[in-house]
């Protein structure tokens, strides 16, 4: 009697319940992979390097967070004892990857350690108290369903234009605009702007919704979308400070970016009356070659439009000079203008194959590129010119 009482006292002092379950390696690994982008590698808060495991019923729930972004996912499990604990995310992922393709058993033991058994192999990982793991906001009522493939496409066409300067806080993400009949995403870093608008009926949406989605959240949404089937949808919701994207059994929660996104409609060129149409692959190949000899810092290349076509050139004292001509019909006034080659290559990598309209006004005004083959989305890319 007394020994049992002592044991119960020890359990209470430890503040943890036992957890014991087994899971197939393939099922677990698929979910662990999706958490790796969220987990903080270099954090001053050690618990953020851990995953929260919760075994209940016939499911294992796995949660990762860096306080700004969280993911909660789950997989089938044979649960012997319900409970929860935390496990170092990176070490667990690296270990599970190397284990044979069979069932893996997990058991929470003393001092928050986790025992892992696979066949005749045994490992113990140092865990931490689950009490230290941050509480996450609950999923509110879903506003709307957005096809996961559509979200993936919007992000792929805009994410590269997001500002990397932390001081420009509102530009560290993209603006997502939901209307009853369309979905739009816009990103800019002040030097270029990518905008894509897709006609898509959003059931149940009666008013426009505008939210700023952080870049890291966009990367993880793409990961979830890529790992789901073509017909998957994302249940989108928001509260005062969070955005929620639920794709199947996986829930991504992100803090909103606050602040005023620039008036992007004012930036879109209205009177770019000089147009040349180029094949995407031809322009991309020429620009890749010519930019090899561009100035390393500015990446400036010169475009000269004349009736014979378009000439692309670059020069730098350290590398030399490059010049290529593409024969294309051009009926406007001759024009010479400079652009950052990398900015245009970023767009060409995201654009659909086929003809690209290159629309210009004069040497000082922004240029606009539009893929003409992509009819499902109105995709526009605006680039500020450079002095050459």
Protein backbone atom coordinates (compact mmCIF):
# COMPACT_ATOMS: atom_id res chain seq x y z
CA UNK A 1 0.00 0.00 0.00
CA UNK A 2 2.70 2.45 1.03
CA UNK A 3 4.90 1.62 -2.00
CA UNK A 4 1.94 2.27 -4.33
CA UNK A 5 1.29 5.58 -2.60
CA UNK A 6 4.94 6.50 -3.02
CA UNK A 7 4.75 5.67 -6.75
CA UNK A 8 1.63 7.81 -7.22
CA UNK A 9 3.40 10.64 -5.40
CA UNK A 10 6.33 10.35 -7.80
CA UNK A 11 3.98 10.50 -10.78
CA UNK A 12 2.28 13.60 -9.39
CA UNK A 13 5.64 15.24 -8.70
CA UNK A 14 6.71 14.61 -12.26
CA UNK A 15 3.49 16.22 -13.48
CA UNK A 16 3.07 13.88 -16.45
CA UNK A 17 0.92 10.98 -17.54
CA UNK A 18 2.34 8.01 -19.35
CA UNK A 19 2.07 7.91 -23.12
CA UNK A 20 2.61 4.76 -25.15
CA UNK A 21 1.78 4.12 -28.78
CA UNK A 22 3.09 2.59 -31.98
CA UNK A 23 2.98 4.04 -35.49
CA UNK A 24 4.08 3.00 -38.98
CA UNK A 25 7.34 4.66 -40.01
CA UNK A 26 5.97 5.84 -43.38
CA UNK A 27 2.90 7.49 -41.78
CA UNK A 28 4.97 9.25 -39.13
CA UNK A 29 7.72 10.41 -41.50
CA UNK A 30 5.24 12.07 -43.88
CA UNK A 31 3.91 14.23 -41.03
CA UNK A 32 7.33 14.96 -39.51
CA UNK A 33 8.53 16.30 -42.87
CA UNK A 34 5.71 18.86 -42.87
CA UNK A 35 6.70 20.18 -39.43
CA UNK A 36 10.38 20.80 -40.18
CA UNK A 37 9.87 24.17 -41.88
CA UNK A 38 7.99 25.53 -38.86
CA UNK A 39 10.26 24.32 -36.05
CA UNK A 40 12.78 26.90 -34.84
CA UNK A 41 16.39 25.74 -35.32
CA UNK A 42 18.14 28.57 -33.46
CA UNK A 43 15.80 29.63 -30.72
CA UNK A 44 16.35 31.19 -27.32
CA UNK A 45 13.23 29.28 -26.16
CA UNK A 46 14.27 25.58 -26.09
CA UNK A 47 10.70 24.17 -26.13
CA UNK A 48 10.21 25.62 -29.64
CA UNK A 49 12.77 23.10 -30.94
CA UNK A 50 10.40 20.33 -29.82
CA UNK A 51 7.25 18.79 -31.21
CA UNK A 52 4.21 18.21 -29.02
CA UNK A 53 2.99 14.60 -29.37
CA UNK A 54 -0.55 13.79 -28.18
CA UNK A 55 -1.77 10.19 -28.38
CA UNK A 56 -5.52 9.71 -28.08
CA UNK A 57 -8.04 7.22 -29.44
CA UNK A 58 -6.43 5.82 -32.58
CA UNK A 59 -4.57 9.01 -33.59
CA UNK A 60 -1.26 10.67 -32.91
CA UNK A 61 -1.46 14.47 -33.08
CA UNK A 62 1.79 16.37 -33.78
CA UNK A 63 2.20 20.13 -33.23
CA UNK A 64 5.09 22.48 -34.09
CA UNK A 65 5.31 26.23 -33.51
CA UNK A 66 7.76 29.13 -33.61
CA UNK A 67 5.15 31.43 -31.95
CA UNK A 68 4.53 33.20 -35.29
CA UNK A 69 3.56 30.09 -37.26
CA UNK A 70 2.16 26.74 -36.10
CA UNK A 71 1.23 23.47 -37.73
CA UNK A 72 -0.88 20.71 -36.26
CA UNK A 73 -1.17 17.41 -38.07
CA UNK A 74 -1.94 13.78 -37.21
CA UNK A 75 -1.62 10.17 -38.34
CA UNK A 76 -3.00 6.74 -37.47
CA UNK A 77 -1.53 5.14 -34.35
CA UNK A 78 -2.12 2.16 -32.07
CA UNK A 79 -2.48 3.89 -28.71
CA UNK A 80 -1.74 1.70 -25.67
CA UNK A 81 -1.79 4.57 -23.16
CA UNK A 82 -3.21 7.98 -23.95
CA UNK A 83 -1.00 10.92 -23.03
CA UNK A 84 1.27 13.65 -24.35
CA UNK A 85 4.91 14.71 -24.33
CA UNK A 86 7.45 16.74 -26.31
CA UNK A 87 10.26 15.41 -28.50
CA UNK A 88 13.23 17.23 -30.16
CA UNK A 89 11.96 17.78 -33.71
CA UNK A 90 15.17 17.66 -35.74
CA UNK A 91 16.71 14.68 -33.92
CA UNK A 92 13.48 12.69 -34.16
CA UNK A 93 13.11 13.42 -37.89
CA UNK A 94 16.72 12.46 -38.61
CA UNK A 95 16.37 9.24 -36.61
CA UNK A 96 13.00 8.14 -38.06
CA UNK A 97 14.32 8.66 -41.59
CA UNK A 98 17.09 6.13 -40.88
CA UNK A 99 14.89 3.49 -39.24
CA UNK A 100 13.65 0.45 -41.23
CA UNK A 101 10.17 0.54 -42.78
CA UNK A 102 8.26 -1.05 -39.92
CA UNK A 103 6.31 -0.13 -36.82
CA UNK A 104 7.97 2.21 -34.30
CA UNK A 105 6.99 2.20 -30.62
CA UNK A 106 7.12 5.29 -28.43
CA UNK A 107 6.93 5.42 -24.66
CA UNK A 108 7.10 8.40 -22.31
CA UNK A 109 9.42 7.54 -19.43
CA UNK A 110 10.89 9.38 -16.44
CA UNK A 111 12.00 13.03 -16.58
CA UNK A 112 10.09 13.62 -19.85
CA UNK A 113 12.42 11.34 -21.81
CA UNK A 114 10.95 9.42 -24.74
CA UNK A 115 11.91 5.82 -25.44
CA UNK A 116 11.78 4.76 -29.10
CA UNK A 117 11.81 1.06 -30.04
CA UNK A 118 12.07 -0.41 -33.53
CA UNK A 119 12.62 -4.18 -33.82
CA UNK A 120 15.67 -4.78 -31.57
CA UNK A 121 16.80 -1.17 -31.69
CA UNK A 122 16.29 1.13 -28.71
CA UNK A 123 16.78 4.89 -28.39
CA UNK A 124 16.01 7.47 -25.74
CA UNK A 125 15.53 11.15 -26.57
CA UNK A 126 15.61 13.93 -23.99
CA UNK A 127 12.17 15.53 -23.95
CA UNK A 128 10.85 18.54 -22.07
CA UNK A 129 7.76 19.16 -19.99
CA UNK A 130 4.66 19.50 -22.15
CA UNK A 131 3.52 22.23 -19.74
CA UNK A 132 6.10 24.55 -21.35
CA UNK A 133 4.69 24.06 -24.86
CA UNK A 134 2.77 27.18 -26.01
CA UNK A 135 -1.02 26.99 -26.20
CA UNK A 136 -2.34 27.53 -29.74
CA UNK A 137 -5.50 29.41 -30.76
CA UNK A 138 -8.48 27.25 -31.71
CA UNK A 139 -9.78 27.14 -35.28
CA UNK A 140 -12.71 29.58 -35.59
CA UNK A 141 -15.62 29.27 -38.02
CA UNK A 142 -14.34 28.81 -41.60
CA UNK A 143 -15.01 31.85 -43.79
CA UNK A 144 -14.54 30.16 -47.13
CA UNK A 145 -13.07 27.17 -48.98
CA UNK A 146 -10.21 27.90 -51.40
CA UNK A 147 -8.84 25.16 -53.70
CA UNK A 148 -5.37 24.20 -52.45
CA UNK A 149 -4.03 24.08 -56.02
CA UNK A 150 -5.23 27.66 -56.58
CA UNK A 151 -3.48 28.88 -53.41
CA UNK A 152 -0.32 27.09 -54.52
CA UNK A 153 -0.47 28.82 -57.93
CA UNK A 154 -1.05 32.28 -56.43
CA UNK A 155 1.90 31.87 -54.07
CA UNK A 156 4.27 30.52 -56.76
CA UNK A 157 3.55 33.58 -58.94
CA UNK A 158 4.11 36.20 -56.22
CA UNK A 159 6.31 34.97 -53.35
CA UNK A 160 9.62 35.91 -55.04
CA UNK A 161 8.60 39.61 -55.10
CA UNK A 162 8.21 39.82 -51.30
CA UNK A 163 10.64 42.17 -49.54
CA UNK A 164 13.38 40.55 -47.45
CA UNK A 165 14.07 43.78 -45.55
CA UNK A 166 12.71 43.32 -42.05
CA UNK A 167 12.33 47.07 -41.62
CA UNK A 168 9.64 47.06 -44.34
CA UNK A 169 7.31 45.01 -42.17
CA UNK A 170 4.13 45.21 -44.26
CA UNK A 171 6.06 44.07 -47.35
CA UNK A 172 7.33 40.88 -45.63
CA UNK A 173 4.27 39.05 -46.91
CA UNK A 174 1.66 39.15 -49.66
CA UNK A 175 -1.80 40.71 -49.76
CA UNK A 176 -4.56 38.13 -50.22
CA UNK A 177 -7.82 39.65 -51.49
CA UNK A 178 -10.91 37.43 -51.43
CA UNK A 179 -14.03 38.56 -53.27
CA UNK A 180 -17.22 36.58 -53.94
CA UNK A 181 -16.13 35.99 -57.56
CA UNK A 182 -12.31 36.15 -57.44
CA UNK A 183 -9.08 35.52 -55.51
CA UNK A 184 -6.13 37.94 -55.86
CA UNK A 185 -2.61 37.90 -54.45
CA UNK A 186 -0.14 40.81 -54.63
CA UNK A 187 3.48 41.08 -53.46
CA UNK A 188 6.02 43.88 -53.78
CA UNK A 189 9.42 44.91 -52.44
CA UNK A 190 9.22 48.48 -53.75
CA UNK A 191 11.30 47.69 -56.85
CA UNK A 192 8.88 45.23 -58.47
CA UNK A 193 5.33 44.03 -58.03
CA UNK A 194 3.73 40.67 -58.84
CA UNK A 195 -0.05 40.43 -59.03
CA UNK A 196 -2.21 37.49 -60.00
CA UNK A 197 -6.01 37.47 -60.09
CA UNK A 198 -8.06 34.33 -60.59
CA UNK A 199 -11.78 34.22 -61.32
CA UNK A 200 -13.20 31.73 -58.84
CA UNK A 201 -16.58 31.68 -57.13
CA UNK A 202 -16.15 31.64 -53.35
CA UNK A 203 -19.33 30.16 -51.88
CA UNK A 204 -20.70 31.91 -48.82
CA UNK A 205 -18.52 35.02 -49.14
CA UNK A 206 -20.62 38.18 -49.32
CA UNK A 207 -17.99 40.90 -48.76
CA UNK A 208 -14.35 41.53 -49.67
CA UNK A 209 -11.73 40.15 -47.27
CA UNK A 210 -8.14 41.51 -47.27
CA UNK A 211 -5.36 39.89 -45.21
CA UNK A 212 -1.55 40.08 -45.18
CA UNK A 213 0.00 36.59 -45.29
CA UNK A 214 3.63 36.35 -44.02
CA UNK A 215 6.18 34.83 -46.39
CA UNK A 216 7.00 31.89 -44.11
CA UNK A 217 3.30 30.99 -43.91
CA UNK A 218 3.10 31.08 -47.73
CA UNK A 219 6.03 28.66 -47.99
CA UNK A 220 4.32 26.22 -45.61
CA UNK A 221 0.92 26.54 -47.37
CA UNK A 222 2.70 25.55 -50.60
CA UNK A 223 4.19 22.55 -48.83
CA UNK A 224 0.78 21.44 -47.56
CA UNK A 225 -0.85 22.03 -50.95
CA UNK A 226 1.87 20.03 -52.74
CA UNK A 227 1.32 17.15 -50.31
CA UNK A 228 -2.47 17.02 -50.91
CA UNK A 229 -4.42 15.77 -53.92
CA UNK A 230 -5.61 17.94 -56.82
CA UNK A 231 -9.15 18.28 -55.45
CA UNK A 232 -8.13 19.34 -51.91
CA UNK A 233 -9.46 22.59 -50.50
CA UNK A 234 -8.20 24.88 -47.76
CA UNK A 235 -10.73 26.00 -45.16
CA UNK A 236 -9.71 29.61 -44.53
CA UNK A 237 -10.55 31.43 -41.30
CA UNK A 238 -9.26 34.37 -39.28
CA UNK A 239 -9.55 35.90 -35.84
CA UNK A 240 -8.22 39.28 -34.65
CA UNK A 241 -4.57 38.30 -34.89
CA UNK A 242 -4.33 34.94 -36.70
CA UNK A 243 -4.93 33.36 -40.09
CA UNK A 244 -5.95 29.69 -40.36
CA UNK A 245 -5.57 27.35 -43.33
CA UNK A 246 -6.95 23.84 -42.79
CA UNK A 247 -6.10 21.37 -45.57
CA UNK A 248 -7.46 17.93 -44.73
CA UNK A 249 -6.24 16.91 -41.27
CA UNK A 250 -3.48 19.54 -41.31
CA UNK A 251 -3.97 22.98 -39.80
CA UNK A 252 -1.59 25.88 -40.39
CA UNK A 253 -1.99 28.88 -38.07
CA UNK A 254 -0.11 32.13 -38.72
CA UNK A 255 0.04 35.50 -37.02
CA UNK A 256 -1.27 38.23 -39.30
CA UNK A 257 1.04 40.91 -40.59
CA UNK A 258 -0.37 44.25 -39.47
CA UNK A 259 -0.13 47.59 -41.20
CA UNK A 260 -1.18 49.12 -44.47
CA UNK A 261 -0.18 47.37 -47.70
CA UNK A 262 0.71 49.88 -50.48
CA UNK A 263 -1.98 50.95 -52.94
CA UNK A 264 -0.86 48.49 -55.61
CA UNK A 265 -3.52 49.57 -58.12
CA UNK A 266 -1.87 53.00 -58.34
CA UNK A 267 1.41 51.32 -59.41
CA UNK A 268 -0.05 49.37 -62.35
CA UNK A 269 0.95 51.02 -65.65
CA UNK A 270 -1.99 52.60 -67.47
CA UNK A 271 -0.40 53.99 -70.63
CA UNK A 272 2.40 51.58 -71.58
CA UNK A 273 1.89 51.98 -75.34
CA UNK A 274 5.06 50.28 -76.60
CA UNK A 275 4.68 46.49 -76.73
CA UNK A 276 6.86 43.68 -77.98
CA UNK A 277 5.79 40.03 -77.67
CA UNK A 278 8.57 37.53 -76.94
CA UNK A 279 8.59 33.79 -76.35
CA UNK A 280 9.22 33.09 -72.68
CA UNK A 281 11.96 30.49 -73.22
CA UNK A 282 13.76 32.62 -75.83
CA UNK A 283 13.80 35.68 -73.57
CA UNK A 284 14.79 33.60 -70.54
CA UNK A 285 17.71 31.92 -72.33
CA UNK A 286 19.03 35.19 -73.77
CA UNK A 287 18.73 36.98 -70.41
CA UNK A 288 20.49 34.16 -68.55
CA UNK A 289 23.45 34.34 -70.94
CA UNK A 290 23.72 38.13 -71.15
CA UNK A 291 23.37 38.62 -67.39
CA UNK A 292 26.49 36.51 -66.83
CA UNK A 293 28.50 39.60 -67.78
CA UNK A 294 26.32 42.15 -65.96
CA UNK A 295 27.62 44.10 -62.99
CA UNK A 296 27.59 41.71 -60.04
CA UNK A 297 25.84 44.12 -57.67
CA UNK A 298 23.32 45.94 -59.86
CA UNK A 299 22.61 43.01 -62.26
CA UNK A 300 21.69 45.74 -64.78
CA UNK A 301 20.88 44.76 -68.37
CA UNK A 302 19.91 47.10 -71.20
CA UNK A 303 16.94 46.49 -73.50
CA UNK A 304 16.86 48.38 -76.81
CA UNK A 305 13.60 48.18 -78.77
CA UNK A 306 13.80 49.04 -82.46
CA UNK A 307 11.93 47.98 -85.58
CA UNK A 308 14.40 45.12 -86.17
CA UNK A 309 13.46 43.65 -82.79
CA UNK A 310 14.94 43.74 -79.31
CA UNK A 311 18.61 43.88 -78.31
CA UNK A 312 19.68 42.80 -74.81
CA UNK A 313 23.12 43.82 -73.55
CA UNK A 314 25.19 44.05 -70.39
CA UNK A 315 28.69 45.15 -69.49
CA UNK A 316 30.94 45.38 -66.46
CA UNK A 317 34.61 46.35 -66.00
CA UNK A 318 35.34 43.05 -64.20
CA UNK A 319 33.69 40.62 -66.64
CA UNK A 320 33.34 42.20 -70.11
CA UNK A 321 30.41 42.75 -72.48
CA UNK A 322 27.48 40.72 -73.82
CA UNK A 323 24.98 41.50 -76.55
CA UNK A 324 22.18 39.42 -78.08
CA UNK A 325 19.47 40.31 -80.60
CA UNK A 326 16.02 38.74 -80.82
CA UNK A 327 14.18 39.36 -84.08
CA UNK A 328 10.59 40.37 -83.31
CA UNK A 329 8.10 42.69 -84.89
CA UNK A 330 8.01 46.04 -83.10
CA UNK A 331 6.17 49.07 -84.50
CA UNK A 332 6.63 51.64 -81.73
CA UNK A 333 9.16 54.41 -81.27
CA UNK A 334 12.73 53.21 -80.49
CA UNK A 335 13.39 52.89 -76.77
CA UNK A 336 16.37 52.01 -74.54
CA UNK A 337 15.72 51.01 -70.92
CA UNK A 338 17.57 49.20 -68.13
CA UNK A 339 16.27 46.54 -65.71
CA UNK A 340 17.64 44.27 -63.01
CA UNK A 341 18.08 40.97 -64.89
CA UNK A 342 17.33 38.85 -61.80
CA UNK A 343 13.95 40.52 -61.32
CA UNK A 344 12.88 39.57 -64.83
CA UNK A 345 14.32 36.05 -64.55
CA UNK A 346 12.33 35.53 -61.32
CA UNK A 347 9.12 36.34 -63.17
CA UNK A 348 9.99 34.19 -66.21
CA UNK A 349 10.62 31.20 -63.91
CA UNK A 350 7.07 31.55 -62.52
CA UNK A 351 5.26 32.41 -65.77
CA UNK A 352 3.55 29.91 -68.06
CA UNK A 353 5.34 28.88 -71.24
CA UNK A 354 4.38 30.75 -74.40
CA UNK A 355 4.29 34.39 -75.48
CA UNK A 356 5.10 37.18 -73.01
CA UNK A 357 3.94 40.74 -73.63
CA UNK A 358 6.64 43.27 -72.65
CA UNK A 359 4.86 46.62 -72.24
CA UNK A 360 6.74 49.93 -71.87
CA UNK A 361 6.04 53.66 -71.89
CA UNK A 362 9.44 55.41 -71.73
CA UNK A 363 12.93 55.13 -70.19
CA UNK A 364 11.81 56.41 -66.76
CA UNK A 365 8.55 54.50 -66.31
CA UNK A 366 7.95 51.01 -64.95
CA UNK A 367 7.72 48.16 -67.44
CA UNK A 368 5.05 45.49 -67.32
CA UNK A 369 5.25 41.82 -68.33
CA UNK A 370 2.19 39.63 -68.93
CA UNK A 371 2.08 35.96 -69.97
CA UNK A 372 -0.48 35.70 -72.78
CA UNK A 373 -0.87 31.90 -72.68
CA UNK A 374 -2.14 31.77 -69.08
CA UNK A 375 -5.82 32.61 -69.57
CA UNK A 376 -7.06 31.33 -66.21
CA UNK A 377 -5.19 33.98 -64.21
CA UNK A 378 -4.61 37.64 -64.94
CA UNK A 379 -0.93 37.73 -64.11
CA UNK A 380 0.94 41.05 -64.19
CA UNK A 381 4.49 41.84 -63.21
CA UNK A 382 5.67 45.43 -62.87
CA UNK A 383 9.39 46.31 -62.69
CA UNK A 384 10.95 49.68 -62.00
CA UNK A 385 13.66 50.71 -64.52
CA UNK A 386 17.34 51.26 -63.71
CA UNK A 387 19.76 53.94 -64.87
CA UNK A 388 22.11 52.47 -67.48
